[in-house]
Amino acid sequence: MKNGKNTWNEFVKPIVVLVAICLVSSALLAVTNSVTAPIIQASAEAEANATRQALLPEADSFTQVEGVQVEGVTDVYRADNGAGYVISAAARGYGGDVPVMVAFDDTGAIAAVQFLENDETAGMGQKVREDSFQAQFAGRAAEPLALSDIDAITGATISSNAAVEGINSAIEAYNQVKEG
């Protein structure tokens, strides 16, 4: 009898307690996720819409374009009033993906570029987010770029390459959409 009680106290009881703790913790995490996930998604969509509007202020609203199959492109939006397109893309940099939104005006030129939050090296690769770097793309035709076409970031060649690759993916998607 004593042996059975020792087995319960030493082995079974701790297992039961840990399983109960895991079940309660999992249930609480699931409830928290179900409550916060829609809020987080709505916030991300609102931020993306605000960025699109800032990049192409002439647009009144945007509609997502489906069926564009270009590597690195995450979404394509067309301005409902014909002001242009805003295309989101990403390319692999030094610290991970370097996401970018590229706005094309109604003439097919790049209207503006906005590099988004990324994990590139602080002080080096993060310079892709600086206005001086982003501004050099505005006004360019929707034709593929090479690293030699831009003022690359000194000491951050991988990040600069990722920036150009992301923009080139957006350009390819834009040309695909325009060709029908």
Protein backbone atom coordinates (compact mmCIF):
# COMPACT_ATOMS: atom_id res chain seq x y z
CA MET A 1 0.00 0.00 0.00
CA LYS A 2 2.75 2.37 0.89
CA ASN A 3 4.47 1.61 -2.42
CA GLY A 4 1.32 2.58 -4.37
CA LYS A 5 1.08 5.90 -2.50
CA ASN A 6 4.75 6.66 -3.24
CA THR A 7 4.18 5.96 -6.95
CA TRP A 8 1.25 8.39 -6.96
CA ASN A 9 3.10 11.15 -5.13
CA GLU A 10 6.43 10.73 -6.92
CA PHE A 11 5.35 10.03 -10.50
CA VAL A 12 1.67 10.27 -11.32
CA LYS A 13 0.67 13.37 -9.31
CA PRO A 14 3.38 15.64 -10.84
CA ILE A 15 2.39 14.45 -14.32
CA VAL A 16 -1.28 15.18 -13.68
CA VAL A 17 -0.45 18.63 -12.29
CA LEU A 18 1.80 19.49 -15.25
CA VAL A 19 -0.79 18.29 -17.76
CA ALA A 20 -3.47 20.40 -16.04
CA ILE A 21 -1.18 23.46 -16.09
CA CYS A 22 -0.42 22.90 -19.79
CA LEU A 23 -4.12 22.54 -20.65
CA VAL A 24 -5.10 25.71 -18.77
CA SER A 25 -2.17 27.66 -20.29
CA SER A 26 -3.01 26.44 -23.79
CA ALA A 27 -6.66 27.37 -23.37
CA LEU A 28 -5.73 30.86 -22.15
CA LEU A 29 -3.33 31.37 -25.07
CA ALA A 30 -5.99 30.22 -27.55
CA VAL A 31 -8.55 32.64 -26.12
CA THR A 32 -6.03 35.49 -26.12
CA ASN A 33 -5.10 34.74 -29.73
CA SER A 34 -8.72 34.58 -30.88
CA VAL A 35 -9.38 37.97 -29.29
CA THR A 36 -6.23 39.77 -30.46
CA ALA A 37 -5.68 38.26 -33.93
CA PRO A 38 -8.46 40.25 -35.66
CA ILE A 39 -7.30 43.45 -33.94
CA ILE A 40 -3.70 42.91 -35.05
CA GLN A 41 -4.80 42.09 -38.61
CA ALA A 42 -7.01 45.18 -38.80
CA SER A 43 -4.15 47.35 -37.52
CA ALA A 44 -1.73 45.90 -40.10
CA GLU A 45 -4.25 46.48 -42.90
CA ALA A 46 -4.86 50.05 -41.76
CA GLU A 47 -1.12 50.73 -41.68
CA ALA A 48 -0.67 49.22 -45.17
CA ASN A 49 -3.57 51.32 -46.51
CA ALA A 50 -2.10 54.46 -44.97
CA THR A 51 1.30 53.70 -46.56
CA ARG A 52 -0.32 53.10 -49.96
CA GLN A 53 -2.21 56.40 -49.66
CA ALA A 54 0.98 58.25 -48.67
CA LEU A 55 2.88 56.79 -51.62
CA LEU A 56 0.17 57.61 -54.14
CA PRO A 57 -1.80 60.55 -52.67
CA GLU A 58 -3.69 61.12 -55.96
CA ALA A 59 -5.50 57.81 -55.43
CA ASP A 60 -8.93 57.90 -53.88
CA SER A 61 -9.02 54.23 -52.85
CA PHE A 62 -7.41 50.94 -53.81
CA THR A 63 -8.55 47.55 -55.04
CA GLN A 64 -6.38 44.47 -54.79
CA VAL A 65 -5.38 42.92 -58.11
CA GLU A 66 -5.39 39.12 -58.12
CA GLY A 67 -3.45 36.71 -60.28
CA VAL A 68 -0.05 38.40 -60.41
CA GLN A 69 2.63 35.71 -60.16
CA VAL A 70 6.02 37.31 -59.60
CA GLU A 71 8.53 35.95 -57.13
CA GLY A 72 8.88 38.25 -54.15
CA VAL A 73 5.66 40.18 -54.79
CA THR A 74 3.19 39.93 -51.93
CA ASP A 75 0.34 42.08 -53.24
CA VAL A 76 -0.69 44.46 -55.98
CA TYR A 77 -3.20 47.29 -55.52
CA ARG A 78 -4.72 49.44 -58.26
CA ALA A 79 -5.96 52.95 -57.53
CA ASP A 80 -9.70 53.00 -58.23
CA ASN A 81 -9.48 56.40 -59.93
CA GLY A 82 -6.70 55.27 -62.31
CA ALA A 83 -3.93 57.20 -60.54
CA GLY A 84 -1.63 54.16 -60.62
CA TYR A 85 -0.60 51.07 -58.69
CA VAL A 86 1.10 50.27 -55.40
CA ILE A 87 2.96 46.98 -55.31
CA SER A 88 4.45 45.30 -52.24
CA ALA A 89 7.49 43.10 -52.69
CA ALA A 90 10.44 41.77 -50.72
CA ALA A 91 13.90 40.41 -51.40
CA ARG A 92 16.38 38.63 -49.18
CA GLY A 93 18.86 40.96 -47.50
CA TYR A 94 21.61 40.44 -44.95
CA GLY A 95 19.32 40.15 -41.92
CA GLY A 96 16.21 38.77 -43.60
CA ASP A 97 13.63 40.01 -46.04
CA VAL A 98 13.69 43.67 -47.05
CA PRO A 99 10.04 44.57 -47.77
CA VAL A 100 9.21 47.52 -50.00
CA MET A 101 6.13 49.25 -51.39
CA VAL A 102 6.55 50.80 -54.81
CA ALA A 103 4.01 53.24 -56.24
CA PHE A 104 3.69 53.64 -60.00
CA ASP A 105 1.85 56.65 -61.38
CA ASP A 106 -0.52 56.58 -64.35
CA THR A 107 2.36 57.21 -66.78
CA GLY A 108 4.23 54.09 -65.63
CA ALA A 109 6.97 55.90 -63.74
CA ILE A 110 7.89 55.09 -60.17
CA ALA A 111 6.11 57.73 -58.09
CA ALA A 112 7.57 56.78 -54.71
CA VAL A 113 9.25 53.96 -52.80
CA GLN A 114 8.89 53.08 -49.13
CA PHE A 115 11.04 50.41 -47.52
CA LEU A 116 9.25 48.86 -44.59
CA GLU A 117 10.38 47.51 -41.24
CA ASN A 118 13.15 44.94 -41.65
CA ASP A 119 15.94 43.19 -39.77
CA GLU A 120 18.90 44.64 -41.63
CA THR A 121 21.93 45.76 -39.63
CA ALA A 122 21.29 48.94 -37.66
CA GLY A 123 23.31 51.87 -38.95
CA MET A 124 24.13 50.11 -42.21
CA GLY A 125 21.42 48.07 -43.89
CA GLN A 126 18.71 50.13 -42.21
CA LYS A 127 19.80 53.04 -44.39
CA VAL A 128 17.50 51.67 -47.10
CA ARG A 129 14.70 53.26 -45.04
CA GLU A 130 16.24 56.74 -45.19
CA ASP A 131 14.51 59.30 -47.39
CA SER A 132 17.71 60.07 -49.28
CA PHE A 133 18.02 56.43 -50.40
CA GLN A 134 14.33 55.96 -51.20
CA ALA A 135 14.01 59.24 -53.11
CA GLN A 136 16.48 58.20 -55.81
CA PHE A 137 13.94 55.78 -57.30
CA ALA A 138 11.16 58.33 -57.86
CA GLY A 139 10.66 59.31 -61.49
CA ARG A 140 12.39 56.26 -62.93
CA ALA A 141 10.65 54.30 -65.66
CA ALA A 142 9.24 50.87 -64.90
CA GLU A 143 12.32 49.14 -66.30
CA PRO A 144 14.64 46.77 -64.42
CA LEU A 145 17.39 48.41 -62.39
CA ALA A 146 20.94 47.31 -61.70
CA LEU A 147 22.90 48.12 -58.57
CA SER A 148 25.09 50.36 -60.72
CA ASP A 149 22.01 52.49 -61.56
CA ILE A 150 21.67 53.76 -58.00
CA ASP A 151 23.74 55.27 -55.21
CA ALA A 152 24.18 52.10 -53.17
CA ILE A 153 24.77 52.21 -49.44
CA THR A 154 28.49 52.04 -48.69
CA GLY A 155 29.24 48.93 -46.63
CA ALA A 156 25.77 47.49 -47.15
CA THR A 157 25.96 45.92 -50.58
CA ILE A 158 23.69 43.01 -49.65
CA SER A 159 20.99 45.38 -48.38
CA SER A 160 21.36 47.58 -51.46
CA ASN A 161 21.05 44.51 -53.70
CA ALA A 162 17.95 43.42 -51.81
CA ALA A 163 16.47 46.90 -52.30
CA VAL A 164 17.06 46.75 -56.05
CA GLU A 165 15.75 43.17 -56.28
CA GLY A 166 12.57 44.08 -54.41
CA ILE A 167 11.96 47.07 -56.64
CA ASN A 168 12.69 44.97 -59.74
CA SER A 169 10.10 42.42 -58.58
CA ALA A 170 7.58 45.24 -58.23
CA ILE A 171 8.51 46.54 -61.69
CA GLU A 172 8.03 43.07 -63.18
CA ALA A 173 4.62 42.79 -61.50
CA TYR A 174 3.62 46.25 -62.73
CA ASN A 175 4.59 45.38 -66.28
CA GLN A 176 2.69 42.09 -66.01
CA VAL A 177 -0.45 43.92 -64.85
CA LYS A 178 -0.17 46.60 -67.55
CA GLU A 179 0.25 43.99 -70.28
CA GLY A 180 -2.92 42.31 -69.07
